[in-house]
Amino acid sequence: MQTTKTLLTEGARRLEAAGISEAALNCQWLLAHLLKTDRLSMLADGGARVPARAAADFEKFVSRKAEGEPLAYILGSQPFCGLSLKVDHRVLVPRPETEELVGLAVDFILKARIGGAPDVLDFGAGSGAIALALSARFPEAKIAAAEKSARALACARENARALGLANRLTFLAVSSVSAAGGPFDLIVSNPPYIPTGVIAGLDKEVLAEPRLALDGGADGLAVAREIIAQAPRALKKRGALLLELGDTQGPAAVKLLDKKIWKTREVVNDLNGRRRFVRAVKAG
């Protein structure tokens, strides 16, 4: 019978040989998941024996990881704003930066004194991460999760049901903000923003995710440009638009916002100081 130490050592060696970053850490998460324990407790055991079935499953997991499959897809879930979200090949894996976007949305709702039932549109909802995090924070909110991918929207519905939040959300199969109805107090979106020409050179783990959720057109701003153009009619007076973009795209996106329509147009840095978020508030 193998031990946690031998499995982790061999697994890390295989992943390093395959060019996978953070090989040891990935192996730790995979094995801890199979053993139904937390990673640090497993490491503290210093080499406990691993049941044959778990060892065999670990070998399969390592093989999948070596092929470039995202860790969250293998584990089947991703933590996000205190929620556990089901993720698979239908959706983008929610990133920590998007948790910051949720934080900006919460700040706006609270500071704008909208009350406990804001009308919110999560455009390009994917797994439903943003919509579900805001629904958990504001139980009375009227939140629409809009998505052009039927497969992604199905995943968002599954997450909502699993979290007991399905009755709080409306799910919209639409491909544009203008088709989502409204008016909304807030539109929040993490649209595709990777320039088409860059995609082929991305890490294979990123390439395993849906291209529809990655490809932002020639300059990476094609979808953001459409959202910005359509948002004014979909927002109430003094409503806000919040976007997460690539870490250099914020200033270019702000230039797309008409001064006559928006009283606030600004780039907000992420926690690493990158100019990632755009915040715009419509004039009253």
C-alpha atoms as a PDB file:
ATOM      1  CA  MET A   1       0.000   0.000   0.000  1.00  0.00           C
ATOM      2  CA  GLN A   2       1.328   3.421  -0.978  1.00  0.00           C
ATOM      3  CA  THR A   3       1.603   6.405   1.325  1.00  0.00           C
ATOM      4  CA  THR A   4       0.640  10.037   0.907  1.00  0.00           C
ATOM      5  CA  LYS A   5       4.323  10.928   0.738  1.00  0.00           C
ATOM      6  CA  THR A   6       5.195   8.497  -2.064  1.00  0.00           C
ATOM      7  CA  LEU A   7       2.106   9.413  -4.088  1.00  0.00           C
ATOM      8  CA  LEU A   8       2.718  13.147  -3.740  1.00  0.00           C
ATOM      9  CA  THR A   9       6.386  12.819  -4.665  1.00  0.00           C
ATOM     10  CA  GLU A  10       5.702  10.737  -7.770  1.00  0.00           C
ATOM     11  CA  GLY A  11       2.696  12.857  -8.777  1.00  0.00           C
ATOM     12  CA  ALA A  12       4.668  16.085  -8.529  1.00  0.00           C
ATOM     13  CA  ARG A  13       7.461  14.565 -10.606  1.00  0.00           C
ATOM     14  CA  ARG A  14       5.002  13.655 -13.365  1.00  0.00           C
ATOM     15  CA  LEU A  15       3.384  17.068 -13.403  1.00  0.00           C
ATOM     16  CA  GLU A  16       6.724  18.874 -13.435  1.00  0.00           C
ATOM     17  CA  ALA A  17       7.790  16.738 -16.396  1.00  0.00           C
ATOM     18  CA  ALA A  18       4.564  17.746 -18.158  1.00  0.00           C
ATOM     19  CA  GLY A  19       5.321  21.430 -17.567  1.00  0.00           C
ATOM     20  CA  ILE A  20       2.503  22.000 -15.089  1.00  0.00           C
ATOM     21  CA  SER A  21       3.109  24.903 -12.713  1.00  0.00           C
ATOM     22  CA  GLU A  22       2.708  24.413  -8.960  1.00  0.00           C
ATOM     23  CA  ALA A  23       2.985  20.673  -9.466  1.00  0.00           C
ATOM     24  CA  ALA A  24       3.339  19.764  -5.795  1.00  0.00           C
ATOM     25  CA  LEU A  25       0.441  21.969  -4.718  1.00  0.00           C
ATOM     26  CA  ASN A  26      -1.831  20.537  -7.392  1.00  0.00           C
ATOM     27  CA  CYS A  27      -1.045  17.021  -6.223  1.00  0.00           C
ATOM     28  CA  GLN A  28      -1.786  17.948  -2.644  1.00  0.00           C
ATOM     29  CA  TRP A  29      -5.229  19.282  -3.537  1.00  0.00           C
ATOM     30  CA  LEU A  30      -6.026  16.218  -5.631  1.00  0.00           C
ATOM     31  CA  LEU A  31      -5.006  13.691  -3.005  1.00  0.00           C
ATOM     32  CA  ALA A  32      -6.662  15.576  -0.138  1.00  0.00           C
ATOM     33  CA  HIS A  33      -9.894  15.622  -2.145  1.00  0.00           C
ATOM     34  CA  LEU A  34      -9.769  11.861  -2.660  1.00  0.00           C
ATOM     35  CA  LEU A  35      -8.999  11.221   0.994  1.00  0.00           C
ATOM     36  CA  LYS A  36     -11.814  13.566   2.059  1.00  0.00           C
ATOM     37  CA  THR A  37      -9.523  15.580   4.278  1.00  0.00           C
ATOM     38  CA  ASP A  38      -7.985  19.032   4.192  1.00  0.00           C
ATOM     39  CA  ARG A  39      -4.612  19.537   2.578  1.00  0.00           C
ATOM     40  CA  LEU A  40      -2.703  20.683   5.657  1.00  0.00           C
ATOM     41  CA  SER A  41      -3.979  17.830   7.832  1.00  0.00           C
ATOM     42  CA  MET A  42      -2.910  15.364   5.169  1.00  0.00           C
ATOM     43  CA  LEU A  43       0.590  16.846   5.041  1.00  0.00           C
ATOM     44  CA  ALA A  44       0.827  16.794   8.831  1.00  0.00           C
ATOM     45  CA  ASP A  45       0.282  13.029   8.808  1.00  0.00           C
ATOM     46  CA  GLY A  46       3.746  12.724   7.298  1.00  0.00           C
ATOM     47  CA  GLY A  47       3.106   9.688   5.122  1.00  0.00           C
ATOM     48  CA  ALA A  48      -0.084   7.872   6.073  1.00  0.00           C
ATOM     49  CA  ARG A  49      -1.052   4.837   4.036  1.00  0.00           C
ATOM     50  CA  VAL A  50      -3.484   5.415   1.186  1.00  0.00           C
ATOM     51  CA  PRO A  51      -6.194   2.871   0.278  1.00  0.00           C
ATOM     52  CA  ALA A  52      -5.640   1.179  -3.079  1.00  0.00           C
ATOM     53  CA  ARG A  53      -8.788   2.658  -4.624  1.00  0.00           C
ATOM     54  CA  ALA A  54      -7.804   6.206  -3.671  1.00  0.00           C
ATOM     55  CA  ALA A  55      -4.257   5.627  -4.964  1.00  0.00           C
ATOM     56  CA  ALA A  56      -5.620   4.401  -8.314  1.00  0.00           C
ATOM     57  CA  ASP A  57      -7.974   7.389  -8.587  1.00  0.00           C
ATOM     58  CA  PHE A  58      -5.080   9.712  -7.744  1.00  0.00           C
ATOM     59  CA  GLU A  59      -3.084   8.284 -10.658  1.00  0.00           C
ATOM     60  CA  LYS A  60      -6.026   9.034 -12.965  1.00  0.00           C
ATOM     61  CA  PHE A  61      -6.355  12.561 -11.593  1.00  0.00           C
ATOM     62  CA  VAL A  62      -2.638  13.226 -12.093  1.00  0.00           C
ATOM     63  CA  SER A  63      -2.914  12.004 -15.695  1.00  0.00           C
ATOM     64  CA  ARG A  64      -5.776  14.400 -16.342  1.00  0.00           C
ATOM     65  CA  LYS A  65      -3.841  17.242 -14.762  1.00  0.00           C
ATOM     66  CA  ALA A  66      -0.753  16.404 -16.823  1.00  0.00           C
ATOM     67  CA  GLU A  67      -2.901  16.816 -19.945  1.00  0.00           C
ATOM     68  CA  GLY A  68      -3.681  20.365 -18.869  1.00  0.00           C
ATOM     69  CA  GLU A  69      -7.145  19.942 -17.388  1.00  0.00           C
ATOM     70  CA  PRO A  70      -7.917  22.695 -14.847  1.00  0.00           C
ATOM     71  CA  LEU A  71      -7.771  21.583 -11.234  1.00  0.00           C
ATOM     72  CA  ALA A  72     -11.327  22.777 -10.611  1.00  0.00           C
ATOM     73  CA  TYR A  73     -12.657  20.582 -13.425  1.00  0.00           C
ATOM     74  CA  ILE A  74     -10.995  17.529 -11.904  1.00  0.00           C
ATOM     75  CA  LEU A  75     -12.250  18.310  -8.411  1.00  0.00           C
ATOM     76  CA  GLY A  76     -15.650  19.249  -9.832  1.00  0.00           C
ATOM     77  CA  SER A  77     -15.987  22.469  -7.881  1.00  0.00           C
ATOM     78  CA  GLN A  78     -14.468  25.849  -7.160  1.00  0.00           C
ATOM     79  CA  PRO A  79     -14.834  28.001  -4.024  1.00  0.00           C
ATOM     80  CA  PHE A  80     -16.139  31.500  -4.738  1.00  0.00           C
ATOM     81  CA  CYS A  81     -17.190  34.164  -2.231  1.00  0.00           C
ATOM     82  CA  GLY A  82     -17.878  31.515   0.387  1.00  0.00           C
ATOM     83  CA  LEU A  83     -19.891  29.339  -1.998  1.00  0.00           C
ATOM     84  CA  SER A  84     -18.918  26.012  -3.549  1.00  0.00           C
ATOM     85  CA  LEU A  85     -19.687  26.116  -7.269  1.00  0.00           C
ATOM     86  CA  LYS A  86     -19.879  23.176  -9.617  1.00  0.00           C
ATOM     87  CA  VAL A  87     -17.602  23.805 -12.591  1.00  0.00           C
ATOM     88  CA  ASP A  88     -16.833  21.695 -15.637  1.00  0.00           C
ATOM     89  CA  HIS A  89     -15.977  22.064 -19.329  1.00  0.00           C
ATOM     90  CA  ARG A  90     -19.142  24.085 -19.938  1.00  0.00           C
ATOM     91  CA  VAL A  91     -17.920  27.114 -18.005  1.00  0.00           C
ATOM     92  CA  LEU A  92     -14.940  29.272 -17.171  1.00  0.00           C
ATOM     93  CA  VAL A  93     -13.381  28.596 -13.783  1.00  0.00           C
ATOM     94  CA  PRO A  94     -14.193  31.612 -11.548  1.00  0.00           C
ATOM     95  CA  ARG A  95     -11.042  33.559 -10.631  1.00  0.00           C
ATOM     96  CA  PRO A  96     -10.156  35.394  -7.412  1.00  0.00           C
ATOM     97  CA  GLU A  97     -10.267  38.690  -9.320  1.00  0.00           C
ATOM     98  CA  THR A  98     -13.956  38.138  -9.988  1.00  0.00           C
ATOM     99  CA  GLU A  99     -14.532  37.958  -6.243  1.00  0.00           C
ATOM    100  CA  GLU A 100     -13.167  41.505  -6.202  1.00  0.00           C
ATOM    101  CA  LEU A 101     -15.727  42.440  -8.877  1.00  0.00           C
ATOM    102  CA  VAL A 102     -18.468  41.092  -6.612  1.00  0.00           C
ATOM    103  CA  GLY A 103     -17.051  43.276  -3.841  1.00  0.00           C
ATOM    104  CA  LEU A 104     -17.368  46.350  -6.048  1.00  0.00           C
ATOM    105  CA  ALA A 105     -20.967  45.399  -6.800  1.00  0.00           C
ATOM    106  CA  VAL A 106     -21.754  45.022  -3.100  1.00  0.00           C
ATOM    107  CA  ASP A 107     -20.161  48.402  -2.377  1.00  0.00           C
ATOM    108  CA  PHE A 108     -22.252  50.104  -5.047  1.00  0.00           C
ATOM    109  CA  ILE A 109     -25.515  48.558  -3.849  1.00  0.00           C
ATOM    110  CA  LEU A 110     -24.832  49.606  -0.267  1.00  0.00           C
ATOM    111  CA  LYS A 111     -23.529  53.113  -1.001  1.00  0.00           C
ATOM    112  CA  ALA A 112     -26.206  53.911  -3.575  1.00  0.00           C
ATOM    113  CA  ARG A 113     -28.838  53.167  -0.919  1.00  0.00           C
ATOM    114  CA  ILE A 114     -30.896  51.228  -3.430  1.00  0.00           C
ATOM    115  CA  GLY A 115     -32.457  49.271  -0.620  1.00  0.00           C
ATOM    116  CA  GLY A 116     -32.637  45.548  -0.091  1.00  0.00           C
ATOM    117  CA  ALA A 117     -34.102  44.660  -3.475  1.00  0.00           C
ATOM    118  CA  PRO A 118     -31.846  45.975  -6.241  1.00  0.00           C
ATOM    119  CA  ASP A 119     -32.452  44.929  -9.852  1.00  0.00           C
ATOM    120  CA  VAL A 120     -29.187  43.384 -11.062  1.00  0.00           C
ATOM    121  CA  LEU A 121     -28.062  41.873 -14.354  1.00  0.00           C
ATOM    122  CA  ASP A 122     -25.110  39.474 -14.420  1.00  0.00           C
ATOM    123  CA  PHE A 123     -24.321  39.423 -18.123  1.00  0.00           C
ATOM    124  CA  GLY A 124     -22.274  36.442 -19.282  1.00  0.00           C
ATOM    125  CA  ALA A 125     -23.088  34.550 -16.109  1.00  0.00           C
ATOM    126  CA  GLY A 126     -21.174  31.337 -16.858  1.00  0.00           C
ATOM    127  CA  SER A 127     -21.332  29.149 -13.760  1.00  0.00           C
ATOM    128  CA  GLY A 128     -23.529  31.773 -12.111  1.00  0.00           C
ATOM    129  CA  ALA A 129     -20.739  32.845  -9.766  1.00  0.00           C
ATOM    130  CA  ILE A 130     -21.465  36.589  -9.658  1.00  0.00           C
ATOM    131  CA  ALA A 131     -25.253  36.251  -9.650  1.00  0.00           C
ATOM    132  CA  LEU A 132     -25.209  33.618  -6.929  1.00  0.00           C
ATOM    133  CA  ALA A 133     -22.732  35.508  -4.729  1.00  0.00           C
ATOM    134  CA  LEU A 134     -24.889  38.649  -4.919  1.00  0.00           C
ATOM    135  CA  SER A 135     -28.065  36.649  -4.323  1.00  0.00           C
ATOM    136  CA  ALA A 136     -26.549  35.134  -1.197  1.00  0.00           C
ATOM    137  CA  ARG A 137     -25.554  38.612  -0.002  1.00  0.00           C
ATOM    138  CA  PHE A 138     -28.869  40.301  -0.878  1.00  0.00           C
ATOM    139  CA  PRO A 139     -31.712  37.780  -0.467  1.00  0.00           C
ATOM    140  CA  GLU A 140     -34.375  40.222  -1.706  1.00  0.00           C
ATOM    141  CA  ALA A 141     -32.450  41.275  -4.800  1.00  0.00           C
ATOM    142  CA  LYS A 142     -33.972  40.696  -8.220  1.00  0.00           C
ATOM    143  CA  ILE A 143     -31.083  39.171 -10.118  1.00  0.00           C
ATOM    144  CA  ALA A 144     -31.041  38.050 -13.732  1.00  0.00           C
ATOM    145  CA  ALA A 145     -28.304  35.680 -14.874  1.00  0.00           C
ATOM    146  CA  ALA A 146     -27.891  36.134 -18.626  1.00  0.00           C
ATOM    147  CA  GLU A 147     -25.836  33.847 -20.832  1.00  0.00           C
ATOM    148  CA  LYS A 148     -25.607  33.116 -24.555  1.00  0.00           C
ATOM    149  CA  SER A 149     -24.264  29.587 -24.012  1.00  0.00           C
ATOM    150  CA  ALA A 150     -27.081  27.157 -23.260  1.00  0.00           C
ATOM    151  CA  ARG A 151     -24.590  24.751 -21.694  1.00  0.00           C
ATOM    152  CA  ALA A 152     -23.213  27.409 -19.363  1.00  0.00           C
ATOM    153  CA  LEU A 153     -26.701  28.551 -18.397  1.00  0.00           C
ATOM    154  CA  ALA A 154     -27.574  24.958 -17.497  1.00  0.00           C
ATOM    155  CA  CYS A 155     -24.556  24.871 -15.177  1.00  0.00           C
ATOM    156  CA  ALA A 156     -25.657  28.127 -13.537  1.00  0.00           C
ATOM    157  CA  ARG A 157     -29.124  26.652 -12.933  1.00  0.00           C
ATOM    158  CA  GLU A 158     -27.580  23.541 -11.397  1.00  0.00           C
ATOM    159  CA  ASN A 159     -25.493  25.648  -9.035  1.00  0.00           C
ATOM    160  CA  ALA A 160     -28.505  27.722  -8.051  1.00  0.00           C
ATOM    161  CA  ARG A 161     -30.502  24.598  -7.227  1.00  0.00           C
ATOM    162  CA  ALA A 162     -27.637  23.038  -5.286  1.00  0.00           C
ATOM    163  CA  LEU A 163     -27.244  26.212  -3.201  1.00  0.00           C
ATOM    164  CA  GLY A 164     -30.965  26.633  -2.613  1.00  0.00           C
ATOM    165  CA  LEU A 165     -31.006  29.942  -4.485  1.00  0.00           C
ATOM    166  CA  ALA A 166     -32.891  28.991  -7.646  1.00  0.00           C
ATOM    167  CA  ASN A 167     -36.071  30.803  -6.627  1.00  0.00           C
ATOM    168  CA  ARG A 168     -34.175  34.061  -6.224  1.00  0.00           C
ATOM    169  CA  LEU A 169     -32.780  34.258  -9.774  1.00  0.00           C
ATOM    170  CA  THR A 170     -34.105  34.642 -13.297  1.00  0.00           C
ATOM    171  CA  PHE A 171     -32.144  32.827 -15.992  1.00  0.00           C
ATOM    172  CA  LEU A 172     -32.012  34.434 -19.434  1.00  0.00           C
ATOM    173  CA  ALA A 173     -30.789  32.788 -22.627  1.00  0.00           C
ATOM    174  CA  VAL A 174     -29.768  35.969 -24.457  1.00  0.00           C
ATOM    175  CA  SER A 175     -26.738  37.177 -26.361  1.00  0.00           C
ATOM    176  CA  SER A 176     -26.985  40.914 -25.664  1.00  0.00           C
ATOM    177  CA  VAL A 177     -27.666  43.304 -22.815  1.00  0.00           C
ATOM    178  CA  SER A 178     -30.464  44.910 -24.802  1.00  0.00           C
ATOM    179  CA  ALA A 179     -32.284  41.560 -24.958  1.00  0.00           C
ATOM    180  CA  ALA A 180     -32.125  41.120 -21.169  1.00  0.00           C
ATOM    181  CA  GLY A 181     -34.874  43.607 -20.376  1.00  0.00           C
ATOM    182  CA  GLY A 182     -34.524  45.904 -17.400  1.00  0.00           C
ATOM    183  CA  PRO A 183     -34.189  48.585 -16.366  1.00  0.00           C
ATOM    184  CA  PHE A 184     -31.554  47.536 -13.854  1.00  0.00           C
ATOM    185  CA  ASP A 185     -29.890  49.286 -10.959  1.00  0.00           C
ATOM    186  CA  LEU A 186     -26.659  47.480 -11.754  1.00  0.00           C
ATOM    187  CA  ILE A 187     -25.130  45.587 -14.648  1.00  0.00           C
ATOM    188  CA  VAL A 188     -22.079  43.557 -13.758  1.00  0.00           C
ATOM    189  CA  SER A 189     -20.061  41.481 -16.188  1.00  0.00           C
ATOM    190  CA  ASN A 190     -16.834  39.559 -16.595  1.00  0.00           C
ATOM    191  CA  PRO A 191     -16.926  39.325 -20.389  1.00  0.00           C
ATOM    192  CA  PRO A 192     -14.440  37.512 -22.636  1.00  0.00           C
ATOM    193  CA  TYR A 193     -11.442  39.842 -22.968  1.00  0.00           C
ATOM    194  CA  ILE A 194      -8.517  37.898 -24.393  1.00  0.00           C
ATOM    195  CA  PRO A 195      -7.513  39.121 -27.876  1.00  0.00           C
ATOM    196  CA  THR A 196      -8.163  36.442 -30.484  1.00  0.00           C
ATOM    197  CA  GLY A 197      -4.561  36.416 -31.677  1.00  0.00           C
ATOM    198  CA  VAL A 198      -3.243  35.680 -28.190  1.00  0.00           C
ATOM    199  CA  ILE A 199      -5.413  32.666 -27.430  1.00  0.00           C
ATOM    200  CA  ALA A 200      -3.345  30.043 -29.254  1.00  0.00           C
ATOM    201  CA  GLY A 201      -0.337  30.839 -27.063  1.00  0.00           C
ATOM    202  CA  LEU A 202      -2.121  30.502 -23.730  1.00  0.00           C
ATOM    203  CA  ASP A 203      -1.369  27.763 -21.201  1.00  0.00           C
ATOM    204  CA  LYS A 204      -3.107  24.509 -22.019  1.00  0.00           C
ATOM    205  CA  GLU A 205      -5.075  24.753 -18.779  1.00  0.00           C
ATOM    206  CA  VAL A 206      -6.690  27.969 -20.002  1.00  0.00           C
ATOM    207  CA  LEU A 207      -7.239  26.465 -23.454  1.00  0.00           C
ATOM    208  CA  ALA A 208      -9.272  23.695 -21.811  1.00  0.00           C
ATOM    209  CA  GLU A 209     -11.900  26.292 -20.909  1.00  0.00           C
ATOM    210  CA  PRO A 210     -14.687  27.349 -23.326  1.00  0.00           C
ATOM    211  CA  ARG A 211     -13.362  29.570 -26.085  1.00  0.00           C
ATOM    212  CA  LEU A 212     -16.624  31.520 -26.034  1.00  0.00           C
ATOM    213  CA  ALA A 213     -15.745  32.648 -22.506  1.00  0.00           C
ATOM    214  CA  LEU A 214     -12.208  33.674 -23.500  1.00  0.00           C
ATOM    215  CA  ASP A 215     -12.284  35.281 -26.963  1.00  0.00           C
ATOM    216  CA  GLY A 216     -12.752  39.041 -26.803  1.00  0.00           C
ATOM    217  CA  GLY A 217     -12.155  39.719 -30.479  1.00  0.00           C
ATOM    218  CA  ALA A 218      -9.222  41.439 -32.170  1.00  0.00           C
ATOM    219  CA  ASP A 219      -8.444  43.861 -29.324  1.00  0.00           C
ATOM    220  CA  GLY A 220     -10.067  41.914 -26.510  1.00  0.00           C
ATOM    221  CA  LEU A 221     -12.765  44.556 -26.084  1.00  0.00           C
ATOM    222  CA  ALA A 222     -15.355  43.405 -28.636  1.00  0.00           C
ATOM    223  CA  VAL A 223     -17.859  42.127 -26.071  1.00  0.00           C
ATOM    224  CA  ALA A 224     -17.137  44.927 -23.593  1.00  0.00           C
ATOM    225  CA  ARG A 225     -17.728  47.441 -26.392  1.00  0.00           C
ATOM    226  CA  GLU A 226     -21.195  45.976 -27.047  1.00  0.00           C
ATOM    227  CA  ILE A 227     -22.055  45.997 -23.347  1.00  0.00           C
ATOM    228  CA  ILE A 228     -20.985  49.633 -22.977  1.00  0.00           C
ATOM    229  CA  ALA A 229     -23.037  50.643 -26.028  1.00  0.00           C
ATOM    230  CA  GLN A 230     -26.200  48.914 -24.809  1.00  0.00           C
ATOM    231  CA  ALA A 231     -25.941  49.530 -21.064  1.00  0.00           C
ATOM    232  CA  PRO A 232     -27.376  53.097 -20.952  1.00  0.00           C
ATOM    233  CA  ARG A 233     -30.826  52.012 -22.135  1.00  0.00           C
ATOM    234  CA  ALA A 234     -30.819  48.991 -19.822  1.00  0.00           C
ATOM    235  CA  LEU A 235     -29.924  50.975 -16.678  1.00  0.00           C
ATOM    236  CA  LYS A 236     -32.037  53.153 -14.435  1.00  0.00           C
ATOM    237  CA  LYS A 237     -30.960  56.713 -13.685  1.00  0.00           C
ATOM    238  CA  ARG A 238     -27.887  56.617 -11.433  1.00  0.00           C
ATOM    239  CA  GLY A 239     -27.505  52.928 -12.228  1.00  0.00           C
ATOM    240  CA  ALA A 240     -24.012  51.459 -12.523  1.00  0.00           C
ATOM    241  CA  LEU A 241     -22.016  49.327 -14.912  1.00  0.00           C
ATOM    242  CA  LEU A 242     -19.154  47.222 -13.535  1.00  0.00           C
ATOM    243  CA  LEU A 243     -16.779  45.327 -15.808  1.00  0.00           C
ATOM    244  CA  GLU A 244     -13.809  43.047 -15.226  1.00  0.00           C
ATOM    245  CA  LEU A 245     -11.303  43.192 -18.079  1.00  0.00           C
ATOM    246  CA  GLY A 246      -7.710  42.310 -18.841  1.00  0.00           C
ATOM    247  CA  ASP A 247      -5.165  43.946 -16.571  1.00  0.00           C
ATOM    248  CA  THR A 248      -4.223  46.583 -19.181  1.00  0.00           C
ATOM    249  CA  GLN A 249      -7.614  47.205 -20.800  1.00  0.00           C
ATOM    250  CA  GLY A 250      -9.340  49.419 -18.251  1.00  0.00           C
ATOM    251  CA  PRO A 251      -8.195  52.800 -19.614  1.00  0.00           C
ATOM    252  CA  ALA A 252      -9.189  51.893 -23.181  1.00  0.00           C
ATOM    253  CA  ALA A 253     -12.623  50.783 -22.026  1.00  0.00           C
ATOM    254  CA  VAL A 254     -13.187  54.003 -20.066  1.00  0.00           C
ATOM    255  CA  LYS A 255     -12.615  55.977 -23.270  1.00  0.00           C
ATOM    256  CA  LEU A 256     -15.624  54.192 -24.759  1.00  0.00           C
ATOM    257  CA  LEU A 257     -17.920  55.675 -22.109  1.00  0.00           C
ATOM    258  CA  ASP A 258     -19.723  58.838 -23.274  1.00  0.00           C
ATOM    259  CA  LYS A 259     -19.259  61.723 -20.824  1.00  0.00           C
ATOM    260  CA  LYS A 260     -22.766  62.941 -21.623  1.00  0.00           C
ATOM    261  CA  ILE A 261     -24.278  59.680 -20.356  1.00  0.00           C
ATOM    262  CA  TRP A 262     -22.029  58.694 -17.472  1.00  0.00           C
ATOM    263  CA  LYS A 263     -21.396  60.940 -14.492  1.00  0.00           C
ATOM    264  CA  THR A 264     -18.682  58.566 -13.222  1.00  0.00           C
ATOM    265  CA  ARG A 265     -16.185  56.819 -15.480  1.00  0.00           C
ATOM    266  CA  GLU A 266     -13.184  55.273 -13.816  1.00  0.00           C
ATOM    267  CA  VAL A 267     -10.709  52.431 -13.683  1.00  0.00           C
ATOM    268  CA  VAL A 268     -10.441  50.569 -10.386  1.00  0.00           C
ATOM    269  CA  ASN A 269      -7.259  48.654  -9.593  1.00  0.00           C
ATOM    270  CA  ASP A 270      -7.360  45.078  -8.397  1.00  0.00           C
ATOM    271  CA  LEU A 271      -5.566  44.023  -5.219  1.00  0.00           C
ATOM    272  CA  ASN A 272      -2.345  43.589  -7.190  1.00  0.00           C
ATOM    273  CA  GLY A 273      -2.495  47.156  -8.485  1.00  0.00           C
ATOM    274  CA  ARG A 274      -3.524  46.162 -12.004  1.00  0.00           C
ATOM    275  CA  ARG A 275      -5.994  48.400 -13.833  1.00  0.00           C
ATOM    276  CA  ARG A 276      -8.553  45.660 -14.281  1.00  0.00           C
ATOM    277  CA  PHE A 277     -12.031  46.971 -13.403  1.00  0.00           C
ATOM    278  CA  VAL A 278     -14.212  49.636 -14.961  1.00  0.00           C
ATOM    279  CA  ARG A 279     -16.850  51.414 -12.903  1.00  0.00           C
ATOM    280  CA  ALA A 280     -19.358  53.743 -14.528  1.00  0.00           C
ATOM    281  CA  VAL A 281     -22.421  55.395 -12.991  1.00  0.00           C
ATOM    282  CA  LYS A 282     -25.157  56.761 -15.210  1.00  0.00           C
ATOM    283  CA  ALA A 283     -26.209  60.368 -14.801  1.00  0.00           C
ATOM    284  CA  GLY A 284     -29.441  61.064 -12.925  1.00  0.00           C
END
